[in-house]
N, C-alpha and C. Protein backbone atom coordinates (compact mmCIF):
# COMPACT_ATOMS: atom_id res chain seq x y z
N UNK A 1 64.58 25.28 -29.62
CA UNK A 1 64.13 24.08 -28.92
C UNK A 1 63.04 24.40 -27.91
N UNK A 2 63.29 25.47 -27.12
CA UNK A 2 62.30 25.85 -26.10
C UNK A 2 60.99 26.24 -26.74
N UNK A 3 61.06 26.98 -27.88
CA UNK A 3 59.83 27.39 -28.57
C UNK A 3 59.07 26.18 -29.09
N UNK A 4 59.80 25.15 -29.57
CA UNK A 4 59.15 23.93 -30.06
C UNK A 4 58.43 23.20 -28.96
N UNK A 5 59.05 23.13 -27.75
CA UNK A 5 58.40 22.44 -26.63
C UNK A 5 57.14 23.17 -26.20
N UNK A 6 57.19 24.54 -26.18
CA UNK A 6 56.00 25.31 -25.80
C UNK A 6 54.87 25.07 -26.79
N UNK A 7 55.21 24.97 -28.09
CA UNK A 7 54.19 24.74 -29.11
C UNK A 7 53.54 23.38 -28.93
N UNK A 8 54.38 22.34 -28.63
CA UNK A 8 53.82 21.01 -28.42
C UNK A 8 52.91 20.98 -27.19
N UNK A 9 53.32 21.72 -26.13
CA UNK A 9 52.49 21.76 -24.93
C UNK A 9 51.15 22.43 -25.22
N UNK A 10 51.19 23.53 -26.05
CA UNK A 10 49.94 24.20 -26.39
C UNK A 10 49.01 23.28 -27.19
N UNK A 11 49.61 22.51 -28.13
CA UNK A 11 48.80 21.57 -28.92
C UNK A 11 48.19 20.51 -28.02
N UNK A 12 49.00 19.97 -27.10
CA UNK A 12 48.51 18.94 -26.18
C UNK A 12 47.44 19.49 -25.25
N UNK A 13 47.65 20.72 -24.77
CA UNK A 13 46.67 21.34 -23.88
C UNK A 13 45.35 21.57 -24.61
N UNK A 14 45.44 21.98 -25.88
CA UNK A 14 44.22 22.20 -26.67
C UNK A 14 43.46 20.90 -26.87
N UNK A 15 44.19 19.80 -27.14
CA UNK A 15 43.55 18.50 -27.32
C UNK A 15 42.88 18.05 -26.02
N UNK A 16 43.54 18.28 -24.88
CA UNK A 16 42.94 17.90 -23.60
C UNK A 16 41.64 18.65 -23.35
N UNK A 17 41.64 19.95 -23.66
CA UNK A 17 40.42 20.73 -23.47
C UNK A 17 39.31 20.24 -24.39
N UNK A 18 39.67 19.89 -25.62
CA UNK A 18 38.67 19.37 -26.56
C UNK A 18 38.10 18.04 -26.08
N UNK A 19 38.97 17.17 -25.56
CA UNK A 19 38.51 15.87 -25.06
C UNK A 19 37.58 16.05 -23.86
N UNK A 20 37.97 16.96 -22.96
CA UNK A 20 37.13 17.21 -21.79
C UNK A 20 35.77 17.76 -22.20
N UNK A 21 35.78 18.69 -23.17
CA UNK A 21 34.53 19.27 -23.64
C UNK A 21 33.66 18.22 -24.33
N UNK A 22 34.29 17.34 -25.12
CA UNK A 22 33.53 16.28 -25.79
C UNK A 22 32.92 15.32 -24.77
N UNK A 23 33.69 14.99 -23.74
CA UNK A 23 33.18 14.11 -22.69
C UNK A 23 32.01 14.76 -21.96
N UNK A 24 32.15 16.07 -21.70
CA UNK A 24 31.08 16.79 -21.01
C UNK A 24 29.81 16.81 -21.85
N UNK A 25 29.95 17.08 -23.15
CA UNK A 25 28.78 17.13 -24.02
C UNK A 25 28.14 15.75 -24.17
N UNK A 26 28.99 14.71 -24.22
CA UNK A 26 28.46 13.35 -24.29
C UNK A 26 27.68 13.00 -23.03
N UNK A 27 28.23 13.38 -21.88
CA UNK A 27 27.55 13.12 -20.61
C UNK A 27 26.21 13.86 -20.55
N UNK A 28 26.19 15.10 -21.02
CA UNK A 28 24.94 15.88 -21.02
C UNK A 28 23.90 15.21 -21.91
N UNK A 29 24.33 14.74 -23.09
CA UNK A 29 23.40 14.09 -24.02
C UNK A 29 22.85 12.79 -23.43
N UNK A 30 23.73 12.00 -22.80
CA UNK A 30 23.29 10.75 -22.19
C UNK A 30 22.31 11.02 -21.06
N UNK A 31 22.62 12.01 -20.23
CA UNK A 31 21.74 12.35 -19.10
C UNK A 31 20.40 12.87 -19.60
N UNK A 32 20.42 13.67 -20.68
CA UNK A 32 19.18 14.20 -21.24
C UNK A 32 18.30 13.06 -21.76
N UNK A 33 18.91 12.09 -22.44
CA UNK A 33 18.15 10.95 -22.95
C UNK A 33 17.61 10.09 -21.81
N UNK A 34 18.41 9.95 -20.74
CA UNK A 34 17.95 9.16 -19.60
C UNK A 34 16.74 9.81 -18.94
N UNK A 35 16.80 11.13 -18.77
CA UNK A 35 15.67 11.84 -18.16
C UNK A 35 14.43 11.77 -19.05
N UNK A 36 14.64 11.89 -20.36
CA UNK A 36 13.52 11.80 -21.28
C UNK A 36 12.85 10.44 -21.20
N UNK A 37 13.67 9.38 -21.17
CA UNK A 37 13.13 8.03 -21.08
C UNK A 37 12.42 7.81 -19.74
N UNK A 38 13.01 8.32 -18.65
CA UNK A 38 12.39 8.19 -17.34
C UNK A 38 11.04 8.90 -17.29
N UNK A 39 10.97 10.10 -17.86
CA UNK A 39 9.71 10.85 -17.88
C UNK A 39 8.65 10.12 -18.70
N UNK A 40 9.08 9.49 -19.79
CA UNK A 40 8.13 8.72 -20.60
C UNK A 40 7.60 7.53 -19.83
N UNK A 41 8.48 6.82 -19.12
CA UNK A 41 8.05 5.68 -18.31
C UNK A 41 7.10 6.12 -17.20
N UNK A 42 7.43 7.25 -16.55
CA UNK A 42 6.58 7.74 -15.47
C UNK A 42 5.21 8.15 -16.00
N UNK A 43 5.18 8.73 -17.20
CA UNK A 43 3.90 9.13 -17.79
C UNK A 43 3.04 7.90 -18.07
N UNK A 44 3.66 6.83 -18.59
CA UNK A 44 2.92 5.59 -18.84
C UNK A 44 2.44 4.99 -17.53
N UNK A 45 3.32 4.97 -16.52
CA UNK A 45 2.95 4.42 -15.22
C UNK A 45 1.79 5.19 -14.61
N UNK A 46 1.83 6.50 -14.72
CA UNK A 46 0.75 7.32 -14.16
C UNK A 46 -0.57 7.08 -14.89
N UNK A 47 -0.49 6.84 -16.20
CA UNK A 47 -1.71 6.62 -16.99
C UNK A 47 -2.39 5.30 -16.63
N UNK A 48 -1.65 4.37 -16.02
CA UNK A 48 -2.20 3.06 -15.68
C UNK A 48 -2.89 3.06 -14.32
N UNK A 49 -2.80 4.18 -13.59
CA UNK A 49 -3.37 4.24 -12.24
C UNK A 49 -4.57 5.17 -12.20
N UNK A 50 -5.51 4.94 -11.27
CA UNK A 50 -6.57 5.92 -11.04
C UNK A 50 -5.96 7.24 -10.58
N UNK A 51 -6.56 8.37 -10.93
CA UNK A 51 -5.99 9.68 -10.58
C UNK A 51 -5.74 9.87 -9.08
N UNK A 52 -6.54 9.21 -8.24
CA UNK A 52 -6.39 9.40 -6.80
C UNK A 52 -5.06 8.90 -6.27
N UNK A 53 -4.37 8.05 -7.03
CA UNK A 53 -3.09 7.50 -6.58
C UNK A 53 -1.91 8.39 -6.95
N UNK A 54 -2.09 9.31 -7.85
CA UNK A 54 -0.97 10.16 -8.28
C UNK A 54 -1.48 11.57 -8.55
N UNK A 55 -1.96 12.22 -7.50
CA UNK A 55 -2.52 13.56 -7.66
C UNK A 55 -1.44 14.58 -8.00
N UNK A 56 -0.22 14.35 -7.49
CA UNK A 56 0.90 15.21 -7.87
C UNK A 56 1.71 14.50 -8.95
N UNK A 57 2.36 15.28 -9.79
CA UNK A 57 3.06 14.70 -10.93
C UNK A 57 4.53 14.47 -10.73
N UNK A 58 5.04 14.66 -9.50
CA UNK A 58 6.47 14.47 -9.30
C UNK A 58 6.80 12.98 -9.24
N UNK A 59 8.06 12.68 -9.43
CA UNK A 59 8.51 11.30 -9.56
C UNK A 59 8.21 10.47 -8.32
N UNK A 60 8.49 11.02 -7.14
CA UNK A 60 8.27 10.27 -5.91
C UNK A 60 6.79 9.94 -5.72
N UNK A 61 5.90 10.88 -6.03
CA UNK A 61 4.46 10.66 -5.86
C UNK A 61 3.96 9.59 -6.82
N UNK A 62 4.45 9.60 -8.05
CA UNK A 62 4.01 8.61 -9.04
C UNK A 62 4.47 7.21 -8.62
N UNK A 63 5.72 7.09 -8.20
CA UNK A 63 6.23 5.78 -7.79
C UNK A 63 5.52 5.30 -6.53
N UNK A 64 5.34 6.21 -5.56
CA UNK A 64 4.61 5.83 -4.34
C UNK A 64 3.18 5.43 -4.65
N UNK A 65 2.53 6.16 -5.55
CA UNK A 65 1.17 5.80 -5.95
C UNK A 65 1.11 4.45 -6.63
N UNK A 66 2.12 4.16 -7.45
CA UNK A 66 2.16 2.86 -8.13
C UNK A 66 2.28 1.72 -7.12
N UNK A 67 3.09 1.93 -6.09
CA UNK A 67 3.24 0.91 -5.05
C UNK A 67 1.89 0.65 -4.37
N UNK A 68 1.19 1.72 -4.03
CA UNK A 68 -0.11 1.56 -3.38
C UNK A 68 -1.13 0.91 -4.30
N UNK A 69 -1.08 1.25 -5.59
CA UNK A 69 -2.02 0.67 -6.54
C UNK A 69 -1.78 -0.82 -6.70
N UNK A 70 -0.51 -1.23 -6.74
CA UNK A 70 -0.18 -2.65 -6.83
C UNK A 70 -0.66 -3.38 -5.58
N UNK A 71 -0.50 -2.75 -4.41
CA UNK A 71 -0.98 -3.36 -3.17
C UNK A 71 -2.50 -3.51 -3.21
N UNK A 72 -3.19 -2.51 -3.76
CA UNK A 72 -4.64 -2.58 -3.87
C UNK A 72 -5.05 -3.72 -4.80
N UNK A 73 -4.34 -3.88 -5.92
CA UNK A 73 -4.64 -4.98 -6.83
C UNK A 73 -4.36 -6.33 -6.16
N UNK A 74 -3.31 -6.37 -5.35
CA UNK A 74 -3.00 -7.60 -4.62
C UNK A 74 -4.13 -7.95 -3.66
N UNK A 75 -4.65 -6.93 -2.96
CA UNK A 75 -5.77 -7.17 -2.05
C UNK A 75 -7.01 -7.62 -2.80
N UNK A 76 -7.25 -7.03 -3.97
CA UNK A 76 -8.40 -7.43 -4.77
C UNK A 76 -8.26 -8.89 -5.20
N UNK A 77 -7.07 -9.28 -5.61
CA UNK A 77 -6.83 -10.67 -6.00
C UNK A 77 -7.05 -11.61 -4.82
N UNK A 78 -6.57 -11.21 -3.65
CA UNK A 78 -6.77 -12.04 -2.47
C UNK A 78 -8.25 -12.17 -2.12
N UNK A 79 -8.99 -11.07 -2.27
CA UNK A 79 -10.43 -11.13 -2.01
C UNK A 79 -11.13 -12.07 -2.97
N UNK A 80 -10.73 -12.03 -4.23
CA UNK A 80 -11.33 -12.92 -5.22
C UNK A 80 -10.99 -14.38 -4.92
N UNK A 81 -9.74 -14.62 -4.50
CA UNK A 81 -9.35 -15.98 -4.14
C UNK A 81 -10.13 -16.47 -2.92
N UNK A 82 -10.31 -15.57 -1.94
CA UNK A 82 -11.07 -15.94 -0.75
C UNK A 82 -12.52 -16.24 -1.10
N UNK A 83 -13.09 -15.43 -2.01
CA UNK A 83 -14.47 -15.66 -2.43
C UNK A 83 -14.59 -17.00 -3.16
N UNK A 84 -13.59 -17.34 -3.94
CA UNK A 84 -13.60 -18.63 -4.64
C UNK A 84 -13.57 -19.79 -3.65
N UNK A 85 -12.72 -19.65 -2.62
CA UNK A 85 -12.66 -20.70 -1.59
C UNK A 85 -14.01 -20.85 -0.90
N UNK A 86 -14.63 -19.71 -0.61
CA UNK A 86 -15.95 -19.74 0.04
C UNK A 86 -16.99 -20.40 -0.84
N UNK A 87 -17.00 -20.03 -2.12
CA UNK A 87 -17.97 -20.62 -3.04
C UNK A 87 -17.75 -22.12 -3.20
N UNK A 88 -16.48 -22.53 -3.27
CA UNK A 88 -16.18 -23.96 -3.39
C UNK A 88 -16.65 -24.73 -2.17
N UNK A 89 -16.48 -24.11 -0.98
CA UNK A 89 -16.90 -24.79 0.24
C UNK A 89 -18.41 -24.93 0.31
N UNK A 90 -19.13 -23.95 -0.23
CA UNK A 90 -20.59 -24.03 -0.22
C UNK A 90 -21.11 -25.01 -1.27
N UNK A 91 -20.36 -25.16 -2.36
CA UNK A 91 -20.79 -26.06 -3.42
C UNK A 91 -20.44 -27.51 -3.15
N UNK A 92 -19.56 -27.74 -2.17
CA UNK A 92 -19.14 -29.10 -1.84
C UNK A 92 -19.61 -29.41 -0.42
N UNK A 93 -20.60 -30.27 -0.30
CA UNK A 93 -21.18 -30.57 1.01
C UNK A 93 -20.20 -31.29 1.93
N UNK A 94 -19.18 -31.90 1.35
CA UNK A 94 -18.21 -32.64 2.16
C UNK A 94 -17.10 -31.75 2.69
N UNK A 95 -17.07 -30.51 2.26
CA UNK A 95 -16.00 -29.59 2.68
C UNK A 95 -16.56 -28.62 3.70
N UNK A 96 -15.96 -28.59 4.87
CA UNK A 96 -16.42 -27.71 5.94
C UNK A 96 -15.64 -26.41 5.86
N UNK A 97 -16.35 -25.30 5.81
CA UNK A 97 -15.69 -24.00 5.73
C UNK A 97 -14.97 -23.71 7.04
N UNK A 98 -13.75 -23.19 6.99
CA UNK A 98 -13.03 -22.87 8.22
C UNK A 98 -13.66 -21.71 8.96
N UNK A 99 -13.42 -21.65 10.29
CA UNK A 99 -13.98 -20.57 11.08
C UNK A 99 -13.37 -19.23 10.71
N UNK A 100 -12.12 -19.23 10.27
CA UNK A 100 -11.45 -18.01 9.83
C UNK A 100 -10.93 -18.22 8.41
N UNK A 101 -11.81 -18.11 7.42
CA UNK A 101 -11.45 -18.50 6.05
C UNK A 101 -10.43 -17.59 5.39
N UNK A 102 -10.19 -16.40 5.96
CA UNK A 102 -9.30 -15.44 5.31
C UNK A 102 -7.98 -15.27 6.05
N UNK A 103 -7.71 -16.13 7.01
CA UNK A 103 -6.51 -15.95 7.84
C UNK A 103 -5.23 -16.05 7.03
N UNK A 104 -5.23 -16.85 5.97
CA UNK A 104 -4.02 -17.03 5.17
C UNK A 104 -3.64 -15.78 4.39
N UNK A 105 -4.54 -14.80 4.33
CA UNK A 105 -4.26 -13.58 3.57
C UNK A 105 -3.57 -12.52 4.43
N UNK A 106 -3.23 -12.87 5.66
CA UNK A 106 -2.53 -11.94 6.55
C UNK A 106 -1.08 -12.39 6.70
N UNK A 107 -0.15 -11.48 6.46
CA UNK A 107 1.27 -11.80 6.57
C UNK A 107 1.81 -11.43 7.95
N UNK A 108 1.73 -10.15 8.30
CA UNK A 108 2.24 -9.67 9.58
C UNK A 108 1.20 -8.74 10.22
N UNK A 109 0.09 -9.31 10.70
CA UNK A 109 -0.97 -8.46 11.27
C UNK A 109 -0.54 -7.81 12.57
N UNK A 110 -0.96 -6.56 12.75
CA UNK A 110 -0.71 -5.89 14.03
C UNK A 110 -1.62 -6.46 15.12
N UNK A 111 -2.81 -6.95 14.73
CA UNK A 111 -3.74 -7.57 15.67
C UNK A 111 -4.19 -8.91 15.09
N UNK A 112 -4.13 -9.95 15.92
CA UNK A 112 -4.51 -11.29 15.47
C UNK A 112 -5.37 -11.95 16.53
N UNK A 113 -6.58 -12.35 16.15
CA UNK A 113 -7.47 -13.01 17.10
C UNK A 113 -6.94 -14.40 17.46
N UNK A 114 -6.28 -15.05 16.52
CA UNK A 114 -5.72 -16.37 16.81
C UNK A 114 -4.59 -16.27 17.82
N UNK A 115 -3.74 -15.24 17.68
CA UNK A 115 -2.65 -15.06 18.64
C UNK A 115 -3.21 -14.72 20.01
N UNK A 116 -4.25 -13.88 20.04
CA UNK A 116 -4.84 -13.49 21.32
C UNK A 116 -5.46 -14.68 22.02
N UNK A 117 -5.97 -15.63 21.24
CA UNK A 117 -6.65 -16.78 21.84
C UNK A 117 -5.68 -17.89 22.23
N UNK A 118 -4.53 -17.99 21.52
CA UNK A 118 -3.70 -19.16 21.72
C UNK A 118 -2.30 -18.94 22.21
N UNK A 119 -1.82 -17.68 22.25
CA UNK A 119 -0.43 -17.45 22.64
C UNK A 119 -0.37 -16.81 24.02
N UNK A 120 0.54 -17.32 24.84
CA UNK A 120 0.72 -16.77 26.18
C UNK A 120 1.28 -15.37 26.09
N UNK A 121 0.71 -14.47 26.87
CA UNK A 121 1.18 -13.10 26.89
C UNK A 121 0.61 -12.23 25.80
N UNK A 122 -0.20 -12.80 24.91
CA UNK A 122 -0.78 -11.99 23.84
C UNK A 122 -1.91 -11.13 24.39
N UNK A 123 -2.12 -9.99 23.75
CA UNK A 123 -3.18 -9.10 24.20
C UNK A 123 -4.54 -9.73 24.01
N UNK A 124 -5.46 -9.47 24.94
CA UNK A 124 -6.78 -10.09 24.89
C UNK A 124 -7.85 -9.15 24.36
N UNK A 125 -7.52 -7.88 24.16
CA UNK A 125 -8.51 -6.92 23.69
C UNK A 125 -8.46 -6.78 22.17
N UNK A 126 -8.41 -7.91 21.48
CA UNK A 126 -8.34 -7.92 20.02
C UNK A 126 -9.73 -8.21 19.48
N UNK A 127 -10.27 -7.28 18.71
CA UNK A 127 -11.63 -7.43 18.19
C UNK A 127 -11.66 -7.97 16.78
N UNK A 128 -10.52 -7.94 16.06
CA UNK A 128 -10.49 -8.38 14.67
C UNK A 128 -9.04 -8.63 14.27
N UNK A 129 -8.88 -9.38 13.18
CA UNK A 129 -7.55 -9.50 12.58
C UNK A 129 -7.31 -8.26 11.73
N UNK A 130 -6.23 -7.55 12.02
CA UNK A 130 -5.98 -6.27 11.36
C UNK A 130 -4.53 -6.20 10.91
N UNK A 131 -4.35 -5.90 9.64
CA UNK A 131 -3.00 -5.69 9.10
C UNK A 131 -3.00 -4.40 8.29
N UNK A 132 -2.06 -3.52 8.62
CA UNK A 132 -1.95 -2.22 7.95
C UNK A 132 -0.55 -2.08 7.36
N UNK A 133 -0.49 -1.71 6.10
CA UNK A 133 0.77 -1.35 5.45
C UNK A 133 0.62 0.08 4.94
N UNK A 134 1.76 0.76 4.79
CA UNK A 134 1.68 2.18 4.48
C UNK A 134 2.86 2.62 3.63
N UNK A 135 2.58 3.45 2.62
CA UNK A 135 3.60 4.11 1.81
C UNK A 135 3.22 5.58 1.73
N UNK A 136 4.09 6.43 2.27
CA UNK A 136 3.82 7.86 2.34
C UNK A 136 2.46 8.09 3.01
N UNK A 137 1.54 8.76 2.32
CA UNK A 137 0.25 9.07 2.95
C UNK A 137 -0.85 8.09 2.58
N UNK A 138 -0.51 7.00 1.91
CA UNK A 138 -1.50 5.99 1.54
C UNK A 138 -1.31 4.75 2.41
N UNK A 139 -2.42 4.22 2.89
CA UNK A 139 -2.38 3.02 3.74
C UNK A 139 -3.35 1.98 3.20
N UNK A 140 -2.97 0.72 3.32
CA UNK A 140 -3.82 -0.40 2.93
C UNK A 140 -4.16 -1.21 4.17
N UNK A 141 -5.45 -1.48 4.36
CA UNK A 141 -5.92 -2.19 5.54
C UNK A 141 -6.57 -3.50 5.13
N UNK A 142 -6.26 -4.55 5.86
CA UNK A 142 -6.98 -5.82 5.75
C UNK A 142 -7.56 -6.13 7.12
N UNK A 143 -8.87 -6.35 7.15
CA UNK A 143 -9.58 -6.55 8.41
C UNK A 143 -10.48 -7.77 8.28
N UNK A 144 -10.31 -8.73 9.18
CA UNK A 144 -11.20 -9.89 9.24
C UNK A 144 -11.91 -9.89 10.59
N UNK A 145 -13.22 -10.00 10.54
CA UNK A 145 -13.99 -10.00 11.78
C UNK A 145 -15.30 -10.74 11.57
N UNK A 146 -16.04 -10.90 12.65
CA UNK A 146 -17.39 -11.44 12.54
C UNK A 146 -18.31 -10.37 11.97
N UNK A 147 -19.26 -10.80 11.17
CA UNK A 147 -20.21 -9.84 10.59
C UNK A 147 -21.17 -9.34 11.66
N UNK A 148 -21.37 -8.03 11.66
CA UNK A 148 -22.29 -7.40 12.59
C UNK A 148 -23.19 -6.44 11.83
N UNK A 149 -24.39 -6.15 12.36
CA UNK A 149 -25.29 -5.21 11.68
C UNK A 149 -24.65 -3.83 11.52
N UNK A 150 -24.80 -3.26 10.34
CA UNK A 150 -24.30 -1.92 10.02
C UNK A 150 -22.79 -1.77 10.22
N UNK A 151 -22.09 -2.89 10.17
CA UNK A 151 -20.64 -2.86 10.42
C UNK A 151 -19.89 -2.07 9.35
N UNK A 152 -20.24 -2.29 8.09
CA UNK A 152 -19.56 -1.59 7.00
C UNK A 152 -19.78 -0.09 7.10
N UNK A 153 -21.01 0.31 7.39
CA UNK A 153 -21.32 1.73 7.53
C UNK A 153 -20.52 2.34 8.68
N UNK A 154 -20.44 1.62 9.79
CA UNK A 154 -19.68 2.11 10.94
C UNK A 154 -18.19 2.21 10.60
N UNK A 155 -17.69 1.26 9.83
CA UNK A 155 -16.28 1.26 9.46
C UNK A 155 -15.94 2.49 8.61
N UNK A 156 -16.73 2.73 7.58
CA UNK A 156 -16.46 3.86 6.69
C UNK A 156 -16.58 5.19 7.44
N UNK A 157 -17.64 5.31 8.25
CA UNK A 157 -17.83 6.55 9.02
C UNK A 157 -16.69 6.75 10.01
N UNK A 158 -16.25 5.66 10.63
CA UNK A 158 -15.16 5.75 11.60
C UNK A 158 -13.86 6.16 10.95
N UNK A 159 -13.57 5.63 9.77
CA UNK A 159 -12.35 6.00 9.06
C UNK A 159 -12.38 7.47 8.66
N UNK A 160 -13.53 7.93 8.21
CA UNK A 160 -13.65 9.34 7.83
C UNK A 160 -13.47 10.25 9.04
N UNK A 161 -13.99 9.82 10.20
CA UNK A 161 -13.83 10.61 11.41
C UNK A 161 -12.37 10.71 11.83
N UNK A 162 -11.58 9.71 11.47
CA UNK A 162 -10.15 9.70 11.77
C UNK A 162 -9.34 10.43 10.69
N UNK A 163 -10.04 11.04 9.74
CA UNK A 163 -9.41 11.73 8.60
C UNK A 163 -8.61 10.76 7.74
N UNK A 164 -9.22 9.60 7.53
CA UNK A 164 -8.68 8.60 6.61
C UNK A 164 -9.68 8.47 5.47
N UNK A 165 -9.38 9.06 4.33
CA UNK A 165 -10.31 9.06 3.21
C UNK A 165 -10.25 7.72 2.48
N UNK A 166 -11.40 7.08 2.33
CA UNK A 166 -11.47 5.78 1.68
C UNK A 166 -11.37 5.97 0.16
N UNK A 167 -10.35 5.36 -0.42
CA UNK A 167 -10.16 5.42 -1.87
C UNK A 167 -10.77 4.22 -2.57
N UNK A 168 -10.57 3.04 -1.98
CA UNK A 168 -11.11 1.80 -2.55
C UNK A 168 -11.48 0.86 -1.41
N UNK A 169 -12.52 0.06 -1.66
CA UNK A 169 -13.02 -0.84 -0.63
C UNK A 169 -13.54 -2.11 -1.28
N UNK A 170 -13.06 -3.25 -0.80
CA UNK A 170 -13.56 -4.56 -1.24
C UNK A 170 -14.06 -5.33 -0.02
N UNK A 171 -15.18 -6.02 -0.20
CA UNK A 171 -15.78 -6.78 0.89
C UNK A 171 -16.00 -8.21 0.43
N UNK A 172 -15.50 -9.18 1.21
CA UNK A 172 -15.70 -10.59 0.92
C UNK A 172 -16.21 -11.26 2.19
N UNK A 173 -17.31 -12.00 2.09
CA UNK A 173 -17.90 -12.62 3.27
C UNK A 173 -17.95 -14.13 3.11
N UNK A 174 -17.91 -14.80 4.24
CA UNK A 174 -18.03 -16.26 4.29
C UNK A 174 -18.74 -16.63 5.57
N UNK A 175 -20.00 -17.05 5.43
CA UNK A 175 -20.81 -17.39 6.60
C UNK A 175 -20.82 -16.23 7.58
N UNK A 176 -20.26 -16.43 8.78
CA UNK A 176 -20.30 -15.38 9.80
C UNK A 176 -19.12 -14.42 9.72
N UNK A 177 -18.15 -14.71 8.86
CA UNK A 177 -16.93 -13.90 8.80
C UNK A 177 -16.95 -12.98 7.58
N UNK A 178 -16.22 -11.88 7.69
CA UNK A 178 -16.13 -10.93 6.59
C UNK A 178 -14.70 -10.39 6.52
N UNK A 179 -14.23 -10.17 5.30
CA UNK A 179 -12.91 -9.60 5.06
C UNK A 179 -13.07 -8.26 4.35
N UNK A 180 -12.53 -7.21 4.97
CA UNK A 180 -12.53 -5.89 4.36
C UNK A 180 -11.11 -5.58 3.88
N UNK A 181 -11.00 -5.20 2.62
CA UNK A 181 -9.73 -4.71 2.06
C UNK A 181 -9.94 -3.25 1.70
N UNK A 182 -9.25 -2.37 2.41
CA UNK A 182 -9.51 -0.94 2.30
C UNK A 182 -8.22 -0.19 1.97
N UNK A 183 -8.31 0.70 1.00
CA UNK A 183 -7.21 1.61 0.69
C UNK A 183 -7.62 3.01 1.10
N UNK A 184 -6.81 3.66 1.93
CA UNK A 184 -7.16 4.98 2.44
C UNK A 184 -6.00 5.95 2.23
N UNK A 185 -6.35 7.23 2.24
CA UNK A 185 -5.36 8.29 2.20
C UNK A 185 -5.41 9.04 3.52
N UNK A 186 -4.25 9.18 4.15
CA UNK A 186 -4.17 9.90 5.42
C UNK A 186 -4.18 11.40 5.11
N UNK A 187 -5.27 12.06 5.51
CA UNK A 187 -5.42 13.47 5.20
C UNK A 187 -4.63 14.33 6.18
N UNK A 188 -4.38 15.58 5.77
CA UNK A 188 -3.72 16.52 6.66
C UNK A 188 -4.60 16.76 7.89
N UNK A 189 -3.97 16.81 9.03
CA UNK A 189 -4.71 17.00 10.26
C UNK A 189 -5.00 15.72 11.00
N UNK A 190 -4.77 14.57 10.36
CA UNK A 190 -4.96 13.30 11.04
C UNK A 190 -3.83 13.08 12.03
N UNK A 191 -4.18 12.59 13.23
CA UNK A 191 -3.16 12.33 14.24
C UNK A 191 -2.57 10.93 14.09
N UNK A 192 -3.03 10.18 13.09
CA UNK A 192 -2.53 8.83 12.85
C UNK A 192 -1.44 8.90 11.78
N UNK A 193 -0.22 8.56 12.15
CA UNK A 193 0.90 8.70 11.22
C UNK A 193 1.67 7.41 11.00
N UNK A 194 1.36 6.35 11.76
CA UNK A 194 2.08 5.09 11.61
C UNK A 194 1.08 3.95 11.44
N UNK A 195 1.57 2.80 10.97
CA UNK A 195 0.70 1.64 10.79
C UNK A 195 0.16 1.16 12.12
N UNK A 196 0.96 1.23 13.18
CA UNK A 196 0.50 0.78 14.49
C UNK A 196 -0.62 1.67 15.03
N UNK A 197 -0.50 2.97 14.80
CA UNK A 197 -1.55 3.89 15.26
C UNK A 197 -2.85 3.65 14.51
N UNK A 198 -2.76 3.44 13.20
CA UNK A 198 -3.97 3.18 12.42
C UNK A 198 -4.60 1.86 12.84
N UNK A 199 -3.77 0.82 13.01
CA UNK A 199 -4.29 -0.49 13.41
C UNK A 199 -4.96 -0.41 14.78
N UNK A 200 -4.36 0.33 15.71
CA UNK A 200 -4.94 0.47 17.05
C UNK A 200 -6.29 1.18 16.99
N UNK A 201 -6.38 2.23 16.17
CA UNK A 201 -7.64 2.96 16.05
C UNK A 201 -8.73 2.09 15.44
N UNK A 202 -8.37 1.29 14.43
CA UNK A 202 -9.35 0.39 13.81
C UNK A 202 -9.79 -0.69 14.79
N UNK A 203 -8.85 -1.21 15.57
CA UNK A 203 -9.20 -2.22 16.56
C UNK A 203 -10.18 -1.66 17.60
N UNK A 204 -9.94 -0.43 18.05
CA UNK A 204 -10.86 0.21 18.99
C UNK A 204 -12.25 0.37 18.37
N UNK A 205 -12.27 0.68 17.08
CA UNK A 205 -13.54 0.83 16.37
C UNK A 205 -14.32 -0.48 16.39
N UNK A 206 -13.63 -1.59 16.11
CA UNK A 206 -14.30 -2.89 16.09
C UNK A 206 -14.62 -3.38 17.50
N UNK A 207 -13.86 -2.95 18.49
CA UNK A 207 -14.21 -3.27 19.87
C UNK A 207 -15.57 -2.67 20.23
N UNK A 208 -15.78 -1.41 19.85
CA UNK A 208 -17.06 -0.76 20.13
C UNK A 208 -18.20 -1.46 19.40
N UNK A 209 -17.94 -1.89 18.15
CA UNK A 209 -18.97 -2.60 17.39
C UNK A 209 -19.32 -3.92 18.08
N UNK A 210 -18.30 -4.65 18.56
CA UNK A 210 -18.54 -5.92 19.24
C UNK A 210 -19.29 -5.71 20.56
N UNK A 211 -18.93 -4.66 21.29
CA UNK A 211 -19.61 -4.39 22.56
C UNK A 211 -21.08 -4.06 22.34
N UNK A 212 -21.36 -3.28 21.31
CA UNK A 212 -22.76 -2.94 21.02
C UNK A 212 -23.53 -4.16 20.56
N UNK A 213 -22.86 -5.04 19.79
CA UNK A 213 -23.53 -6.26 19.33
C UNK A 213 -23.85 -7.19 20.49
N UNK A 214 -22.99 -7.19 21.51
CA UNK A 214 -23.20 -8.07 22.67
C UNK A 214 -24.41 -7.64 23.49
N UNK A 215 -24.72 -6.35 23.48
CA UNK A 215 -25.84 -5.85 24.28
C UNK A 215 -27.12 -5.68 23.47
N UNK A 216 -27.04 -5.94 22.17
CA UNK A 216 -28.24 -5.77 21.34
C UNK A 216 -29.08 -7.04 21.31
């Protein structure tokens, strides 16, 4: 009797080991297929972006680059919509173009000229409407200001001096106003690491441009 029970236990133990091994091999196969599919998706995603958005091939860099690329496309679409509004206003003599035609394209600006002009306690040293968003080392800037001589050149040179490499730039103008949509990469050695720091530096840049325009 005792020998029979030991034999049954050995058979049951062998079956348990086989089941565990089968489950382990199934899990490995499923995980291998999942990784293969993920790598294929990442490869397709990377192929849809300019190389500057995914210079490294790791998963986090590709996904982060895709986020920035989508934001850039969103800014491009907004610029095209703003240009359409401007063209429509010029083609229709009965429609008066707004003083700030691109204000609706700002969601949560760090600097707002309308807030500075109309809200109690708001800062008064605002030179432009500025909104900065950031994912890892890529930042997207939306800037609305009055057009000034050599303003675009000063903007690009100023960003480069701050070690912010310009990846893409769109410009849309309407009468005296201009909207800049800029995608930049924060280079190593830049002291700007947050959206607030970048927005503050850009605002100071436009303050200097406005001061020079006032004395010219």
